[in-house]
Amino acid sequence: MSATSGADLTPAVSRGLELQAAHMRECLAAGERRVGWKVGLNDPRVQRALGIAAPVIGYIASGTVVPGGGAHSLAGATRPAIEPEVAIHIGADGEIAGLGAALEVIDVDMPLEDVTAILERNVFHRAAVIGAPATGVTGVTGLTARMTRTGAEGVQIDVAEAALDPTEVVRLVGGYLDAVGDKLRAGDVIISGSLVTAAPLGEDERIGLEIDGLPPVSLEATSQSSSSRSP
């Protein structure tokens, strides 16, 4: 791990990362494709409650990726929520090739008490829509976002104020991956943490996210039993 990565490798986090990595290997062995990573627990209040000093990571495999504008079933969810995020697309040399918009569905299906268990369960990840990158856009300064939801007033977001710095996110994720014998690869995508407090998500609801200069994304949450989420 780089001394400047910012990764918090306490014993509880390290054990959770090892268990998480084992689950990812199982997904890939079953035929899923590696997509990338998610930053989670980026709210300092949650970090203090869990006794950690930095956000943590989860993995994204193809079985949880929803096509843009597609539907995701909330069947079986406990406390689903939606998170608008900035997606960081990694280039051939490990650089930031571009930024995109993303929406993540999480399911807070366990107490915020045991960071090892949270990491093992992939930090509440359930599904994500990942937008195409705006090539060459590598920073968030000056960007604003708007999240829209069925039957609700749109939310304006100052991305520069709400988002983690993309360069620091890449360093953070690299530090955690190094601890489990992995590294960022060309084509990896990092969804870099929610820009707002995770918002409860209802069935039969459409969510959209527009960020200045980036291709927009949208997702429909449904009550149907069929889902883009893999078993």
C-alpha atoms as a PDB file:
ATOM      1  CA  MET A   1       0.000   0.000   0.000  1.00  0.00           C
ATOM      2  CA  SER A   2       1.223   3.473  -0.806  1.00  0.00           C
ATOM      3  CA  ALA A   3       1.804   5.507   2.327  1.00  0.00           C
ATOM      4  CA  THR A   4      -0.195   8.301   0.753  1.00  0.00           C
ATOM      5  CA  SER A   5      -3.147   6.259  -0.483  1.00  0.00           C
ATOM      6  CA  GLY A   6      -5.350   7.164   2.480  1.00  0.00           C
ATOM      7  CA  ALA A   7      -6.598   3.576   2.744  1.00  0.00           C
ATOM      8  CA  ASP A   8      -7.523   2.524   6.288  1.00  0.00           C
ATOM      9  CA  LEU A   9      -6.164  -0.988   6.741  1.00  0.00           C
ATOM     10  CA  THR A  10      -7.166  -1.714  10.305  1.00  0.00           C
ATOM     11  CA  PRO A  11      -7.478  -5.458  11.060  1.00  0.00           C
ATOM     12  CA  ALA A  12     -11.276  -5.348  10.711  1.00  0.00           C
ATOM     13  CA  VAL A  13     -11.067  -3.642   7.317  1.00  0.00           C
ATOM     14  CA  SER A  14      -8.271  -5.904   6.090  1.00  0.00           C
ATOM     15  CA  ARG A  15     -10.229  -9.026   6.982  1.00  0.00           C
ATOM     16  CA  GLY A  16     -13.329  -7.665   5.289  1.00  0.00           C
ATOM     17  CA  LEU A  17     -11.352  -6.915   2.127  1.00  0.00           C
ATOM     18  CA  GLU A  18     -10.011 -10.472   2.042  1.00  0.00           C
ATOM     19  CA  LEU A  19     -13.516 -11.928   2.351  1.00  0.00           C
ATOM     20  CA  GLN A  20     -14.828  -9.503  -0.254  1.00  0.00           C
ATOM     21  CA  ALA A  21     -12.059 -10.428  -2.695  1.00  0.00           C
ATOM     22  CA  ALA A  22     -12.936 -14.105  -2.284  1.00  0.00           C
ATOM     23  CA  HIS A  23     -16.561 -13.380  -3.203  1.00  0.00           C
ATOM     24  CA  MET A  24     -15.445 -11.421  -6.253  1.00  0.00           C
ATOM     25  CA  ARG A  25     -13.323 -14.334  -7.428  1.00  0.00           C
ATOM     26  CA  GLU A  26     -16.373 -16.578  -7.085  1.00  0.00           C
ATOM     27  CA  CYS A  27     -18.427 -14.187  -9.262  1.00  0.00           C
ATOM     28  CA  LEU A  28     -15.757 -14.133 -11.945  1.00  0.00           C
ATOM     29  CA  ALA A  29     -15.332 -17.886 -11.845  1.00  0.00           C
ATOM     30  CA  ALA A  30     -19.088 -18.207 -12.390  1.00  0.00           C
ATOM     31  CA  GLY A  31     -18.811 -16.222 -15.626  1.00  0.00           C
ATOM     32  CA  GLU A  32     -19.290 -12.615 -14.627  1.00  0.00           C
ATOM     33  CA  ARG A  33     -16.982  -9.918 -15.957  1.00  0.00           C
ATOM     34  CA  ARG A  34     -14.936  -7.523 -13.851  1.00  0.00           C
ATOM     35  CA  VAL A  35     -16.310  -3.989 -14.221  1.00  0.00           C
ATOM     36  CA  GLY A  36     -14.589  -2.107 -11.432  1.00  0.00           C
ATOM     37  CA  TRP A  37     -15.036  -0.737  -7.951  1.00  0.00           C
ATOM     38  CA  LYS A  38     -17.252   1.359  -5.733  1.00  0.00           C
ATOM     39  CA  VAL A  39     -16.314   3.721  -2.946  1.00  0.00           C
ATOM     40  CA  GLY A  40     -18.596   3.370   0.045  1.00  0.00           C
ATOM     41  CA  LEU A  41     -19.038   4.724   3.568  1.00  0.00           C
ATOM     42  CA  ASN A  42     -17.763   8.109   2.412  1.00  0.00           C
ATOM     43  CA  ASP A  43     -19.883   9.943   5.006  1.00  0.00           C
ATOM     44  CA  PRO A  44     -17.552  10.949   7.888  1.00  0.00           C
ATOM     45  CA  ARG A  45     -20.389  10.393  10.380  1.00  0.00           C
ATOM     46  CA  VAL A  46     -20.682   6.760   9.310  1.00  0.00           C
ATOM     47  CA  GLN A  47     -16.910   6.359   9.435  1.00  0.00           C
ATOM     48  CA  ARG A  48     -16.811   7.628  13.009  1.00  0.00           C
ATOM     49  CA  ALA A  49     -19.598   5.253  14.016  1.00  0.00           C
ATOM     50  CA  LEU A  50     -17.686   2.304  12.553  1.00  0.00           C
ATOM     51  CA  GLY A  51     -14.311   3.374  13.925  1.00  0.00           C
ATOM     52  CA  ILE A  52     -12.666   3.815  10.523  1.00  0.00           C
ATOM     53  CA  ALA A  53     -10.715   6.759   9.189  1.00  0.00           C
ATOM     54  CA  ALA A  54     -11.480   6.608   5.463  1.00  0.00           C
ATOM     55  CA  PRO A  55     -14.033   5.393   2.937  1.00  0.00           C
ATOM     56  CA  VAL A  56     -13.827   1.729   1.915  1.00  0.00           C
ATOM     57  CA  ILE A  57     -14.392  -0.092  -1.358  1.00  0.00           C
ATOM     58  CA  GLY A  58     -16.574  -2.772  -2.892  1.00  0.00           C
ATOM     59  CA  TYR A  59     -16.422  -4.462  -6.278  1.00  0.00           C
ATOM     60  CA  ILE A  60     -18.683  -4.244  -9.316  1.00  0.00           C
ATOM     61  CA  ALA A  61     -19.155  -7.291 -11.525  1.00  0.00           C
ATOM     62  CA  SER A  62     -21.229  -7.412 -14.675  1.00  0.00           C
ATOM     63  CA  GLY A  63     -24.146  -9.194 -13.014  1.00  0.00           C
ATOM     64  CA  THR A  64     -25.135  -6.039 -11.156  1.00  0.00           C
ATOM     65  CA  VAL A  65     -24.746  -3.573 -14.014  1.00  0.00           C
ATOM     66  CA  VAL A  66     -28.013  -2.257 -15.462  1.00  0.00           C
ATOM     67  CA  PRO A  67     -27.994  -0.825 -19.008  1.00  0.00           C
ATOM     68  CA  GLY A  68     -28.611   2.907 -19.167  1.00  0.00           C
ATOM     69  CA  GLY A  69     -32.339   3.601 -18.956  1.00  0.00           C
ATOM     70  CA  GLY A  70     -32.984   0.013 -17.917  1.00  0.00           C
ATOM     71  CA  ALA A  71     -34.961  -1.445 -15.037  1.00  0.00           C
ATOM     72  CA  HIS A  72     -33.879  -3.012 -11.787  1.00  0.00           C
ATOM     73  CA  SER A  73     -36.234  -4.953  -9.552  1.00  0.00           C
ATOM     74  CA  LEU A  74     -36.378  -4.150  -5.855  1.00  0.00           C
ATOM     75  CA  ALA A  75     -37.904  -7.546  -5.117  1.00  0.00           C
ATOM     76  CA  GLY A  76     -36.400  -8.884  -1.904  1.00  0.00           C
ATOM     77  CA  ALA A  77     -34.766  -5.604  -0.912  1.00  0.00           C
ATOM     78  CA  THR A  78     -34.774  -4.575   2.751  1.00  0.00           C
ATOM     79  CA  ARG A  79     -33.999  -0.829   2.698  1.00  0.00           C
ATOM     80  CA  PRO A  80     -33.174   0.121  -0.891  1.00  0.00           C
ATOM     81  CA  ALA A  81     -31.761   3.529  -1.628  1.00  0.00           C
ATOM     82  CA  ILE A  82     -30.366   5.430  -4.607  1.00  0.00           C
ATOM     83  CA  GLU A  83     -27.014   7.207  -4.784  1.00  0.00           C
ATOM     84  CA  PRO A  84     -25.922   9.629  -7.541  1.00  0.00           C
ATOM     85  CA  GLU A  85     -22.215   9.329  -8.213  1.00  0.00           C
ATOM     86  CA  VAL A  86     -19.319  10.299 -10.441  1.00  0.00           C
ATOM     87  CA  ALA A  87     -17.788   7.391 -12.368  1.00  0.00           C
ATOM     88  CA  ILE A  88     -14.027   7.451 -12.930  1.00  0.00           C
ATOM     89  CA  HIS A  89     -12.893   5.559 -16.040  1.00  0.00           C
ATOM     90  CA  ILE A  90      -9.318   4.229 -15.876  1.00  0.00           C
ATOM     91  CA  GLY A  91      -7.070   4.461 -18.932  1.00  0.00           C
ATOM     92  CA  ALA A  92      -4.347   2.260 -20.339  1.00  0.00           C
ATOM     93  CA  ASP A  93      -1.616   3.610 -18.085  1.00  0.00           C
ATOM     94  CA  GLY A  94      -3.685   3.815 -14.910  1.00  0.00           C
ATOM     95  CA  GLU A  95      -4.603   7.434 -15.517  1.00  0.00           C
ATOM     96  CA  ILE A  96      -8.071   8.955 -15.362  1.00  0.00           C
ATOM     97  CA  ALA A  97      -9.283   8.690 -18.965  1.00  0.00           C
ATOM     98  CA  GLY A  98     -12.568  10.467 -18.330  1.00  0.00           C
ATOM     99  CA  LEU A  99     -15.482  10.947 -15.968  1.00  0.00           C
ATOM    100  CA  GLY A 100     -19.074   9.811 -16.331  1.00  0.00           C
ATOM    101  CA  ALA A 101     -22.315   9.870 -14.377  1.00  0.00           C
ATOM    102  CA  ALA A 102     -23.540   6.865 -12.398  1.00  0.00           C
ATOM    103  CA  LEU A 103     -26.458   5.765 -10.242  1.00  0.00           C
ATOM    104  CA  GLU A 104     -26.029   3.055  -7.631  1.00  0.00           C
ATOM    105  CA  VAL A 105     -28.790   1.116  -5.922  1.00  0.00           C
ATOM    106  CA  ILE A 106     -27.812   0.006  -2.452  1.00  0.00           C
ATOM    107  CA  ASP A 107     -29.694  -2.096   0.067  1.00  0.00           C
ATOM    108  CA  VAL A 108     -28.933  -1.317   3.697  1.00  0.00           C
ATOM    109  CA  ASP A 109     -29.827  -4.812   4.806  1.00  0.00           C
ATOM    110  CA  MET A 110     -27.714  -4.993   7.961  1.00  0.00           C
ATOM    111  CA  PRO A 111     -26.855  -2.667  10.856  1.00  0.00           C
ATOM    112  CA  LEU A 112     -24.041  -0.158  10.520  1.00  0.00           C
ATOM    113  CA  GLU A 113     -22.039  -1.893  13.223  1.00  0.00           C
ATOM    114  CA  ASP A 114     -19.570  -4.461  11.852  1.00  0.00           C
ATOM    115  CA  VAL A 115     -17.251  -3.088   9.158  1.00  0.00           C
ATOM    116  CA  THR A 116     -15.852  -6.549   8.388  1.00  0.00           C
ATOM    117  CA  ALA A 117     -19.316  -7.911   7.654  1.00  0.00           C
ATOM    118  CA  ILE A 118     -20.242  -4.817   5.640  1.00  0.00           C
ATOM    119  CA  LEU A 119     -17.165  -5.265   3.459  1.00  0.00           C
ATOM    120  CA  GLU A 120     -17.800  -8.979   3.056  1.00  0.00           C
ATOM    121  CA  ARG A 121     -21.334  -8.167   1.856  1.00  0.00           C
ATOM    122  CA  ASN A 122     -19.878  -5.703  -0.671  1.00  0.00           C
ATOM    123  CA  VAL A 123     -20.836  -2.491   1.121  1.00  0.00           C
ATOM    124  CA  PHE A 124     -24.573  -2.748   0.416  1.00  0.00           C
ATOM    125  CA  HIS A 125     -24.081  -2.789  -3.385  1.00  0.00           C
ATOM    126  CA  ARG A 126     -27.092  -4.031  -5.317  1.00  0.00           C
ATOM    127  CA  ALA A 127     -26.984  -2.540  -8.835  1.00  0.00           C
ATOM    128  CA  ALA A 128     -25.512   0.329 -10.845  1.00  0.00           C
ATOM    129  CA  VAL A 129     -25.980   2.228 -14.068  1.00  0.00           C
ATOM    130  CA  ILE A 130     -22.629   3.509 -15.317  1.00  0.00           C
ATOM    131  CA  GLY A 131     -22.617   6.243 -17.930  1.00  0.00           C
ATOM    132  CA  ALA A 132     -20.164   6.599 -20.788  1.00  0.00           C
ATOM    133  CA  PRO A 133     -17.168   8.810 -20.023  1.00  0.00           C
ATOM    134  CA  ALA A 134     -16.567  12.309 -21.267  1.00  0.00           C
ATOM    135  CA  THR A 135     -13.052  11.708 -22.543  1.00  0.00           C
ATOM    136  CA  GLY A 136     -10.481  14.078 -21.148  1.00  0.00           C
ATOM    137  CA  VAL A 137     -12.680  15.335 -18.329  1.00  0.00           C
ATOM    138  CA  THR A 138     -10.671  14.416 -15.244  1.00  0.00           C
ATOM    139  CA  GLY A 139     -11.749  16.878 -12.540  1.00  0.00           C
ATOM    140  CA  VAL A 140     -14.970  17.989 -10.906  1.00  0.00           C
ATOM    141  CA  THR A 141     -14.255  21.679 -10.372  1.00  0.00           C
ATOM    142  CA  GLY A 142     -17.159  23.771 -11.605  1.00  0.00           C
ATOM    143  CA  LEU A 143     -19.485  20.832 -12.270  1.00  0.00           C
ATOM    144  CA  THR A 144     -23.085  20.778 -11.104  1.00  0.00           C
ATOM    145  CA  ALA A 145     -25.514  17.865 -11.172  1.00  0.00           C
ATOM    146  CA  ARG A 146     -29.263  17.407 -11.120  1.00  0.00           C
ATOM    147  CA  MET A 147     -30.978  14.255  -9.913  1.00  0.00           C
ATOM    148  CA  THR A 148     -34.615  13.798 -10.857  1.00  0.00           C
ATOM    149  CA  ARG A 149     -37.127  11.306  -9.482  1.00  0.00           C
ATOM    150  CA  THR A 150     -40.696  10.387 -10.315  1.00  0.00           C
ATOM    151  CA  GLY A 151     -43.084  12.607  -8.395  1.00  0.00           C
ATOM    152  CA  ALA A 152     -40.371  14.596  -6.642  1.00  0.00           C
ATOM    153  CA  GLU A 153     -38.643  17.910  -7.138  1.00  0.00           C
ATOM    154  CA  GLY A 154     -35.222  17.683  -8.757  1.00  0.00           C
ATOM    155  CA  VAL A 155     -32.146  18.006  -6.554  1.00  0.00           C
ATOM    156  CA  GLN A 156     -29.297  20.343  -7.564  1.00  0.00           C
ATOM    157  CA  ILE A 157     -25.823  19.236  -6.469  1.00  0.00           C
ATOM    158  CA  ASP A 158     -22.548  21.135  -6.403  1.00  0.00           C
ATOM    159  CA  VAL A 159     -20.333  18.277  -7.548  1.00  0.00           C
ATOM    160  CA  ALA A 160     -17.067  19.950  -6.594  1.00  0.00           C
ATOM    161  CA  GLU A 161     -18.347  20.385  -3.036  1.00  0.00           C
ATOM    162  CA  ALA A 162     -19.953  16.950  -2.703  1.00  0.00           C
ATOM    163  CA  ALA A 163     -17.581  14.634  -4.560  1.00  0.00           C
ATOM    164  CA  LEU A 164     -14.293  13.156  -3.459  1.00  0.00           C
ATOM    165  CA  ASP A 165     -11.386  14.328  -5.612  1.00  0.00           C
ATOM    166  CA  PRO A 166     -11.007  11.834  -8.494  1.00  0.00           C
ATOM    167  CA  THR A 167      -7.217  11.660  -8.170  1.00  0.00           C
ATOM    168  CA  GLU A 168      -7.529  10.895  -4.458  1.00  0.00           C
ATOM    169  CA  VAL A 169     -10.185   8.272  -5.194  1.00  0.00           C
ATOM    170  CA  VAL A 170      -7.865   6.485  -7.617  1.00  0.00           C
ATOM    171  CA  ARG A 171      -5.103   6.547  -5.017  1.00  0.00           C
ATOM    172  CA  LEU A 172      -7.458   5.286  -2.307  1.00  0.00           C
ATOM    173  CA  VAL A 173      -8.788   2.385  -4.366  1.00  0.00           C
ATOM    174  CA  GLY A 174      -5.262   1.490  -5.471  1.00  0.00           C
ATOM    175  CA  GLY A 175      -4.165   1.294  -1.845  1.00  0.00           C
ATOM    176  CA  TYR A 176      -6.962  -1.103  -0.919  1.00  0.00           C
ATOM    177  CA  LEU A 177      -6.375  -3.270  -3.995  1.00  0.00           C
ATOM    178  CA  ASP A 178      -2.674  -3.461  -3.265  1.00  0.00           C
ATOM    179  CA  ALA A 179      -3.533  -4.885   0.154  1.00  0.00           C
ATOM    180  CA  VAL A 180      -5.319  -7.861  -1.453  1.00  0.00           C
ATOM    181  CA  GLY A 181      -2.799  -8.450  -4.222  1.00  0.00           C
ATOM    182  CA  ASP A 182      -4.731  -6.675  -6.958  1.00  0.00           C
ATOM    183  CA  LYS A 183      -4.404  -3.396  -8.853  1.00  0.00           C
ATOM    184  CA  LEU A 184      -6.385  -1.068 -11.040  1.00  0.00           C
ATOM    185  CA  ARG A 185      -6.489  -2.115 -14.682  1.00  0.00           C
ATOM    186  CA  ALA A 186      -7.213  -0.372 -17.948  1.00  0.00           C
ATOM    187  CA  GLY A 187     -10.960  -0.274 -18.428  1.00  0.00           C
ATOM    188  CA  ASP A 188     -11.811  -0.409 -14.729  1.00  0.00           C
ATOM    189  CA  VAL A 189     -14.503   1.998 -13.579  1.00  0.00           C
ATOM    190  CA  ILE A 190     -14.722   3.440 -10.069  1.00  0.00           C
ATOM    191  CA  ILE A 191     -18.019   4.879  -8.876  1.00  0.00           C
ATOM    192  CA  SER A 192     -16.653   7.304  -6.376  1.00  0.00           C
ATOM    193  CA  GLY A 193     -19.224   7.635  -3.606  1.00  0.00           C
ATOM    194  CA  SER A 194     -22.632   9.216  -3.249  1.00  0.00           C
ATOM    195  CA  LEU A 195     -22.964  12.931  -3.858  1.00  0.00           C
ATOM    196  CA  VAL A 196     -25.859  13.117  -1.377  1.00  0.00           C
ATOM    197  CA  THR A 197     -27.107  11.148   1.574  1.00  0.00           C
ATOM    198  CA  ALA A 198     -28.496   7.896   0.165  1.00  0.00           C
ATOM    199  CA  ALA A 199     -32.175   8.508  -0.633  1.00  0.00           C
ATOM    200  CA  PRO A 200     -34.796   5.802   0.085  1.00  0.00           C
ATOM    201  CA  LEU A 201     -35.928   4.240  -3.174  1.00  0.00           C
ATOM    202  CA  GLY A 202     -39.469   3.154  -3.977  1.00  0.00           C
ATOM    203  CA  GLU A 203     -40.827   0.716  -6.515  1.00  0.00           C
ATOM    204  CA  ASP A 204     -42.033   1.936  -9.914  1.00  0.00           C
ATOM    205  CA  GLU A 205     -39.859   5.013  -9.769  1.00  0.00           C
ATOM    206  CA  ARG A 206     -37.582   6.483 -12.444  1.00  0.00           C
ATOM    207  CA  ILE A 207     -34.383   8.255 -11.434  1.00  0.00           C
ATOM    208  CA  GLY A 208     -32.235  10.394 -13.697  1.00  0.00           C
ATOM    209  CA  LEU A 209     -28.849  12.048 -13.217  1.00  0.00           C
ATOM    210  CA  GLU A 210     -27.353  14.812 -15.327  1.00  0.00           C
ATOM    211  CA  ILE A 211     -23.872  16.195 -14.663  1.00  0.00           C
ATOM    212  CA  ASP A 212     -22.509  19.127 -16.684  1.00  0.00           C
ATOM    213  CA  GLY A 213     -20.790  17.919 -19.822  1.00  0.00           C
ATOM    214  CA  LEU A 214     -21.237  14.199 -19.064  1.00  0.00           C
ATOM    215  CA  PRO A 215     -23.675  11.800 -20.751  1.00  0.00           C
ATOM    216  CA  PRO A 216     -26.804  11.506 -18.551  1.00  0.00           C
ATOM    217  CA  VAL A 217     -27.950   8.259 -16.982  1.00  0.00           C
ATOM    218  CA  SER A 218     -31.291   6.938 -15.782  1.00  0.00           C
ATOM    219  CA  LEU A 219     -32.717   3.895 -14.044  1.00  0.00           C
ATOM    220  CA  GLU A 220     -36.192   2.524 -13.382  1.00  0.00           C
ATOM    221  CA  ALA A 221     -36.830   0.799 -10.049  1.00  0.00           C
ATOM    222  CA  THR A 222     -39.601  -1.756 -10.432  1.00  0.00           C
ATOM    223  CA  SER A 223     -41.599  -4.166  -8.305  1.00  0.00           C
ATOM    224  CA  GLN A 224     -41.294  -6.970 -10.855  1.00  0.00           C
ATOM    225  CA  SER A 225     -39.538 -10.185  -9.873  1.00  0.00           C
ATOM    226  CA  SER A 226     -37.315 -10.144 -12.950  1.00  0.00           C
ATOM    227  CA  SER A 227     -34.173  -8.097 -12.413  1.00  0.00           C
ATOM    228  CA  SER A 228     -30.865  -7.086 -13.886  1.00  0.00           C
ATOM    229  CA  ARG A 229     -29.317  -8.177 -10.627  1.00  0.00           C
ATOM    230  CA  SER A 230     -27.676 -11.548 -10.745  1.00  0.00           C
ATOM    231  CA  PRO A 231     -28.713 -14.121  -8.106  1.00  0.00           C
END
